[in-house]
């Protein structure tokens, strides 16, 4: 059976942690930052984790992504 193809966009954006969680960076942090509050911009810097309900969907499209 041939290897599955990974989703190119997803493999660039998501990481799998050692415990199996899927790590992501927040969007909305590139431009038009003047109207966003300091608190909002600061919280967008933090790394986010996918909810467990969506983890399986992400892991399915990045099957060969290993923990870093």
PDB file of N, CA and C in Angstrom:
ATOM      1  N   UNK A   1       0.845  -1.181   0.000  1.00  0.00           N
ATOM      2  CA  UNK A   1       0.000   0.000   0.000  1.00  0.00           C
ATOM      3  C   UNK A   1       0.889   1.244   0.000  1.00  0.00           C
ATOM      4  N   UNK A   2       0.589   2.256  -0.827  1.00  0.00           N
ATOM      5  CA  UNK A   2       1.436   3.448  -0.879  1.00  0.00           C
ATOM      6  C   UNK A   2       1.284   4.300   0.379  1.00  0.00           C
ATOM      7  N   UNK A   3       2.282   5.153   0.590  1.00  0.00           N
ATOM      8  CA  UNK A   3       2.230   6.054   1.734  1.00  0.00           C
ATOM      9  C   UNK A   3       1.124   7.080   1.538  1.00  0.00           C
ATOM     10  N   UNK A   4       0.555   7.545   2.662  1.00  0.00           N
ATOM     11  CA  UNK A   4      -0.444   8.604   2.610  1.00  0.00           C
ATOM     12  C   UNK A   4       0.252   9.935   2.390  1.00  0.00           C
ATOM     13  N   UNK A   5      -0.424  10.866   1.750  1.00  0.00           N
ATOM     14  CA  UNK A   5       0.140  12.194   1.571  1.00  0.00           C
ATOM     15  C   UNK A   5      -0.266  13.088   2.742  1.00  0.00           C
ATOM     16  N   UNK A   6       0.700  13.843   3.233  1.00  0.00           N
ATOM     17  CA  UNK A   6       0.410  14.813   4.292  1.00  0.00           C
ATOM     18  C   UNK A   6      -0.149  16.085   3.670  1.00  0.00           C
ATOM     19  N   UNK A   7      -0.957  16.791   4.430  1.00  0.00           N
ATOM     20  CA  UNK A   7      -1.508  18.067   3.994  1.00  0.00           C
ATOM     21  C   UNK A   7      -0.407  19.115   4.144  1.00  0.00           C
ATOM     22  N   UNK A   8       0.022  19.717   3.032  1.00  0.00           N
ATOM     23  CA  UNK A   8       1.176  20.612   3.041  1.00  0.00           C
ATOM     24  C   UNK A   8       0.979  21.821   3.946  1.00  0.00           C
ATOM     25  N   UNK A   9      -0.213  22.405   3.929  1.00  0.00           N
ATOM     26  CA  UNK A   9      -0.470  23.568   4.772  1.00  0.00           C
ATOM     27  C   UNK A   9      -0.446  23.214   6.241  1.00  0.00           C
ATOM     28  N   UNK A  10      -0.982  22.048   6.581  1.00  0.00           N
ATOM     29  CA  UNK A  10      -1.060  21.646   7.980  1.00  0.00           C
ATOM     30  C   UNK A  10       0.312  21.272   8.527  1.00  0.00           C
ATOM     31  N   UNK A  11       1.141  20.647   7.725  1.00  0.00           N
ATOM     32  CA  UNK A  11       2.449  20.236   8.253  1.00  0.00           C
ATOM     33  C   UNK A  11       3.359  21.428   8.516  1.00  0.00           C
ATOM     34  N   UNK A  12       3.084  22.572   7.866  1.00  0.00           N
ATOM     35  CA  UNK A  12       3.863  23.776   8.128  1.00  0.00           C
ATOM     36  C   UNK A  12       3.364  24.518   9.368  1.00  0.00           C
ATOM     37  N   UNK A  13       2.107  24.321   9.735  1.00  0.00           N
ATOM     38  CA  UNK A  13       1.491  25.123  10.781  1.00  0.00           C
ATOM     39  C   UNK A  13       1.369  24.444  12.137  1.00  0.00           C
ATOM     40  N   UNK A  14       1.337  23.130  12.159  1.00  0.00           N
ATOM     41  CA  UNK A  14       1.065  22.427  13.412  1.00  0.00           C
ATOM     42  C   UNK A  14       2.221  21.535  13.818  1.00  0.00           C
ATOM     43  N   UNK A  15       2.363  21.333  15.143  1.00  0.00           N
ATOM     44  CA  UNK A  15       3.368  20.425  15.686  1.00  0.00           C
ATOM     45  C   UNK A  15       2.668  19.478  16.647  1.00  0.00           C
ATOM     46  N   UNK A  16       3.217  18.284  16.790  1.00  0.00           N
ATOM     47  CA  UNK A  16       2.684  17.329  17.753  1.00  0.00           C
ATOM     48  C   UNK A  16       3.658  17.276  18.920  1.00  0.00           C
ATOM     49  N   UNK A  17       3.155  17.444  20.137  1.00  0.00           N
ATOM     50  CA  UNK A  17       4.017  17.438  21.307  1.00  0.00           C
ATOM     51  C   UNK A  17       4.311  15.998  21.726  1.00  0.00           C
ATOM     52  N   UNK A  18       5.183  15.848  22.695  1.00  0.00           N
ATOM     53  CA  UNK A  18       5.535  14.522  23.185  1.00  0.00           C
ATOM     54  C   UNK A  18       4.362  13.787  23.804  1.00  0.00           C
ATOM     55  N   UNK A  19       3.454  14.551  24.423  1.00  0.00           N
ATOM     56  CA  UNK A  19       2.290  13.912  25.050  1.00  0.00           C
ATOM     57  C   UNK A  19       1.173  13.663  24.057  1.00  0.00           C
ATOM     58  N   UNK A  20       1.359  14.098  22.787  1.00  0.00           N
ATOM     59  CA  UNK A  20       0.356  13.826  21.760  1.00  0.00           C
ATOM     60  C   UNK A  20      -0.589  14.968  21.468  1.00  0.00           C
ATOM     61  N   UNK A  21      -0.414  16.104  22.158  1.00  0.00           N
ATOM     62  CA  UNK A  21      -1.265  17.256  21.873  1.00  0.00           C
ATOM     63  C   UNK A  21      -0.809  17.902  20.568  1.00  0.00           C
ATOM     64  N   UNK A  22      -1.720  18.625  19.922  1.00  0.00           N
ATOM     65  CA  UNK A  22      -1.384  19.324  18.680  1.00  0.00           C
ATOM     66  C   UNK A  22      -1.261  20.805  18.996  1.00  0.00           C
ATOM     67  N   UNK A  23      -0.068  21.349  18.724  1.00  0.00           N
ATOM     68  CA  UNK A  23       0.266  22.725  19.049  1.00  0.00           C
ATOM     69  C   UNK A  23       0.072  23.596  17.823  1.00  0.00           C
ATOM     70  N   UNK A  24      -0.430  24.827  18.024  1.00  0.00           N
ATOM     71  CA  UNK A  24      -0.659  25.739  16.904  1.00  0.00           C
ATOM     72  C   UNK A  24      -0.312  27.153  17.345  1.00  0.00           C
ATOM     73  N   UNK A  25      -0.064  28.010  16.370  1.00  0.00           N
ATOM     74  CA  UNK A  25       0.124  29.419  16.642  1.00  0.00           C
ATOM     75  C   UNK A  25      -1.151  30.154  16.245  1.00  0.00           C
ATOM     76  N   UNK A  26      -1.434  31.240  16.953  1.00  0.00           N
ATOM     77  CA  UNK A  26      -2.657  31.977  16.683  1.00  0.00           C
ATOM     78  C   UNK A  26      -2.545  32.809  15.408  1.00  0.00           C
ATOM     79  N   UNK A  27      -3.688  33.032  14.780  1.00  0.00           N
ATOM     80  CA  UNK A  27      -3.747  33.880  13.601  1.00  0.00           C
ATOM     81  C   UNK A  27      -4.052  35.312  14.031  1.00  0.00           C
ATOM     82  N   UNK A  28      -4.265  36.198  13.078  1.00  0.00           N
ATOM     83  CA  UNK A  28      -4.633  37.606  13.307  1.00  0.00           C
ATOM     84  C   UNK A  28      -3.509  38.422  13.932  1.00  0.00           C
ATOM     85  N   UNK A  29      -2.257  38.077  13.681  1.00  0.00           N
ATOM     86  CA  UNK A  29      -1.152  38.779  14.342  1.00  0.00           C
ATOM     87  C   UNK A  29      -0.224  39.453  13.339  1.00  0.00           C
ATOM     88  N   UNK A  30      -0.619  39.575  12.061  1.00  0.00           N
ATOM     89  CA  UNK A  30       0.289  40.075  11.052  1.00  0.00           C
ATOM     90  C   UNK A  30       0.145  41.554  10.732  1.00  0.00           C
ATOM     91  N   UNK A  31      -1.049  42.049  10.555  1.00  0.00           N
ATOM     92  CA  UNK A  31      -1.205  43.457  10.192  1.00  0.00           C
ATOM     93  C   UNK A  31      -2.505  43.983  10.776  1.00  0.00           C
ATOM     94  N   UNK A  32      -2.728  45.285  10.614  1.00  0.00           N
ATOM     95  CA  UNK A  32      -3.850  46.000  11.233  1.00  0.00           C
ATOM     96  C   UNK A  32      -3.805  45.779  12.754  1.00  0.00           C
ATOM     97  N   UNK A  33      -2.627  46.028  13.322  1.00  0.00           N
ATOM     98  CA  UNK A  33      -2.448  45.789  14.754  1.00  0.00           C
ATOM     99  C   UNK A  33      -2.793  47.012  15.596  1.00  0.00           C
ATOM    100  N   UNK A  34      -3.000  48.158  14.955  1.00  0.00           N
ATOM    101  CA  UNK A  34      -3.252  49.365  15.742  1.00  0.00           C
ATOM    102  C   UNK A  34      -4.614  49.336  16.428  1.00  0.00           C
ATOM    103  N   UNK A  35      -5.578  48.700  15.826  1.00  0.00           N
ATOM    104  CA  UNK A  35      -6.911  48.670  16.439  1.00  0.00           C
ATOM    105  C   UNK A  35      -7.089  47.519  17.431  1.00  0.00           C
ATOM    106  N   UNK A  36      -6.106  46.633  17.524  1.00  0.00           N
ATOM    107  CA  UNK A  36      -6.191  45.527  18.484  1.00  0.00           C
ATOM    108  C   UNK A  36      -5.546  45.953  19.800  1.00  0.00           C
ATOM    109  N   UNK A  37      -6.160  45.541  20.885  1.00  0.00           N
ATOM    110  CA  UNK A  37      -5.667  45.968  22.196  1.00  0.00           C
ATOM    111  C   UNK A  37      -4.346  45.273  22.525  1.00  0.00           C
ATOM    112  N   UNK A  38      -3.616  45.859  23.471  1.00  0.00           N
ATOM    113  CA  UNK A  38      -2.353  45.272  23.917  1.00  0.00           C
ATOM    114  C   UNK A  38      -2.556  43.868  24.458  1.00  0.00           C
ATOM    115  N   UNK A  39      -3.609  43.736  25.235  1.00  0.00           N
ATOM    116  CA  UNK A  39      -3.917  42.441  25.851  1.00  0.00           C
ATOM    117  C   UNK A  39      -4.197  41.380  24.790  1.00  0.00           C
ATOM    118  N   UNK A  40      -4.929  41.766  23.766  1.00  0.00           N
ATOM    119  CA  UNK A  40      -5.268  40.820  22.691  1.00  0.00           C
ATOM    120  C   UNK A  40      -4.025  40.389  21.915  1.00  0.00           C
ATOM    121  N   UNK A  41      -3.160  41.354  21.587  1.00  0.00           N
ATOM    122  CA  UNK A  41      -1.936  41.042  20.846  1.00  0.00           C
ATOM    123  C   UNK A  41      -1.003  40.175  21.680  1.00  0.00           C
ATOM    124  N   UNK A  42      -0.954  40.441  22.977  1.00  0.00           N
ATOM    125  CA  UNK A  42      -0.107  39.668  23.874  1.00  0.00           C
ATOM    126  C   UNK A  42      -0.601  38.228  23.973  1.00  0.00           C
ATOM    127  N   UNK A  43      -1.909  38.047  24.015  1.00  0.00           N
ATOM    128  CA  UNK A  43      -2.452  36.683  24.121  1.00  0.00           C
ATOM    129  C   UNK A  43      -2.325  35.927  22.807  1.00  0.00           C
ATOM    130  N   UNK A  44      -2.267  36.645  21.684  1.00  0.00           N
ATOM    131  CA  UNK A  44      -2.084  35.983  20.394  1.00  0.00           C
ATOM    132  C   UNK A  44      -0.668  35.443  20.219  1.00  0.00           C
ATOM    133  N   UNK A  45       0.276  35.986  21.013  1.00  0.00           N
ATOM    134  CA  UNK A  45       1.654  35.495  20.959  1.00  0.00           C
ATOM    135  C   UNK A  45       1.784  34.098  21.543  1.00  0.00           C
ATOM    136  N   UNK A  46       0.916  33.770  22.477  1.00  0.00           N
ATOM    137  CA  UNK A  46       1.012  32.490  23.172  1.00  0.00           C
ATOM    138  C   UNK A  46       0.684  31.336  22.236  1.00  0.00           C
ATOM    139  N   UNK A  47       1.290  30.198  22.512  1.00  0.00           N
ATOM    140  CA  UNK A  47       1.012  28.994  21.736  1.00  0.00           C
ATOM    141  C   UNK A  47      -0.336  28.444  22.172  1.00  0.00           C
ATOM    142  N   UNK A  48      -1.123  27.962  21.206  1.00  0.00           N
ATOM    143  CA  UNK A  48      -2.412  27.369  21.524  1.00  0.00           C
ATOM    144  C   UNK A  48      -2.384  25.875  21.261  1.00  0.00           C
ATOM    145  N   UNK A  49      -3.312  25.172  21.855  1.00  0.00           N
ATOM    146  CA  UNK A  49      -3.441  23.728  21.652  1.00  0.00           C
ATOM    147  C   UNK A  49      -4.830  23.428  21.133  1.00  0.00           C
ATOM    148  N   UNK A  50      -4.912  22.486  20.222  1.00  0.00           N
ATOM    149  CA  UNK A  50      -6.210  22.114  19.679  1.00  0.00           C
ATOM    150  C   UNK A  50      -7.029  21.390  20.737  1.00  0.00           C
ATOM    151  N   UNK A  51      -8.344  21.575  20.716  1.00  0.00           N
ATOM    152  CA  UNK A  51      -9.197  20.787  21.611  1.00  0.00           C
ATOM    153  C   UNK A  51      -9.100  19.305  21.254  1.00  0.00           C
ATOM    154  N   UNK A  52      -9.310  18.453  22.214  1.00  0.00           N
ATOM    155  CA  UNK A  52      -9.175  17.018  21.980  1.00  0.00           C
ATOM    156  C   UNK A  52     -10.170  16.513  20.943  1.00  0.00           C
ATOM    157  N   UNK A  53     -11.276  17.241  20.778  1.00  0.00           N
ATOM    158  CA  UNK A  53     -12.271  16.823  19.783  1.00  0.00           C
ATOM    159  C   UNK A  53     -11.751  17.005  18.363  1.00  0.00           C
ATOM    160  N   UNK A  54     -10.841  17.962  18.152  1.00  0.00           N
ATOM    161  CA  UNK A  54     -10.306  18.215  16.819  1.00  0.00           C
ATOM    162  C   UNK A  54      -8.936  17.596  16.589  1.00  0.00           C
ATOM    163  N   UNK A  55      -8.299  17.104  17.654  1.00  0.00           N
ATOM    164  CA  UNK A  55      -6.959  16.530  17.534  1.00  0.00           C
ATOM    165  C   UNK A  55      -6.889  15.413  16.514  1.00  0.00           C
ATOM    166  N   UNK A  56      -7.862  14.529  16.532  1.00  0.00           N
ATOM    167  CA  UNK A  56      -7.834  13.390  15.620  1.00  0.00           C
ATOM    168  C   UNK A  56      -7.916  13.825  14.164  1.00  0.00           C
ATOM    169  N   UNK A  57      -8.682  14.876  13.887  1.00  0.00           N
ATOM    170  CA  UNK A  57      -8.774  15.380  12.514  1.00  0.00           C
ATOM    171  C   UNK A  57      -7.427  15.897  12.032  1.00  0.00           C
ATOM    172  N   UNK A  58      -6.729  16.623  12.884  1.00  0.00           N
ATOM    173  CA  UNK A  58      -5.429  17.177  12.506  1.00  0.00           C
ATOM    174  C   UNK A  58      -4.401  16.066  12.351  1.00  0.00           C
ATOM    175  N   UNK A  59      -4.405  15.118  13.277  1.00  0.00           N
ATOM    176  CA  UNK A  59      -3.438  14.016  13.197  1.00  0.00           C
ATOM    177  C   UNK A  59      -3.662  13.154  11.957  1.00  0.00           C
ATOM    178  N   UNK A  60      -4.886  13.123  11.466  1.00  0.00           N
ATOM    179  CA  UNK A  60      -5.183  12.338  10.267  1.00  0.00           C
ATOM    180  C   UNK A  60      -4.569  12.974   9.018  1.00  0.00           C
ATOM    181  N   UNK A  61      -4.507  14.317   8.982  1.00  0.00           N
ATOM    182  CA  UNK A  61      -3.960  14.964   7.789  1.00  0.00           C
ATOM    183  C   UNK A  61      -2.450  15.179   7.878  1.00  0.00           C
ATOM    184  N   UNK A  62      -1.846  14.946   9.058  1.00  0.00           N
ATOM    185  CA  UNK A  62      -0.383  14.982   9.170  1.00  0.00           C
ATOM    186  C   UNK A  62       0.087  13.657   9.797  1.00  0.00           C
ATOM    187  N   UNK A  63      -0.053  12.546   9.071  1.00  0.00           N
ATOM    188  CA  UNK A  63       0.190  11.237   9.670  1.00  0.00           C
ATOM    189  C   UNK A  63       1.637  10.969  10.058  1.00  0.00           C
ATOM    190  N   UNK A  64       2.603  11.605   9.429  1.00  0.00           N
ATOM    191  CA  UNK A  64       4.002  11.280   9.694  1.00  0.00           C
ATOM    192  C   UNK A  64       4.709  12.322  10.542  1.00  0.00           C
ATOM    193  N   UNK A  65       3.968  13.278  11.058  1.00  0.00           N
ATOM    194  CA  UNK A  65       4.554  14.328  11.874  1.00  0.00           C
ATOM    195  C   UNK A  65       4.857  13.770  13.262  1.00  0.00           C
ATOM    196  N   UNK A  66       6.100  13.833  13.651  1.00  0.00           N
ATOM    197  CA  UNK A  66       6.518  13.289  14.938  1.00  0.00           C
ATOM    198  C   UNK A  66       6.679  14.417  15.946  1.00  0.00           C
ATOM    199  N   UNK A  67       6.760  14.053  17.214  1.00  0.00           N
ATOM    200  CA  UNK A  67       6.975  15.030  18.263  1.00  0.00           C
ATOM    201  C   UNK A  67       8.378  15.605  18.169  1.00  0.00           C
ATOM    202  N   UNK A  68       8.509  16.894  18.484  1.00  0.00           N
ATOM    203  CA  UNK A  68       9.815  17.553  18.433  1.00  0.00           C
ATOM    204  C   UNK A  68      10.437  17.596  19.797  1.00  0.00           C
TER     205      UNK A  68
END
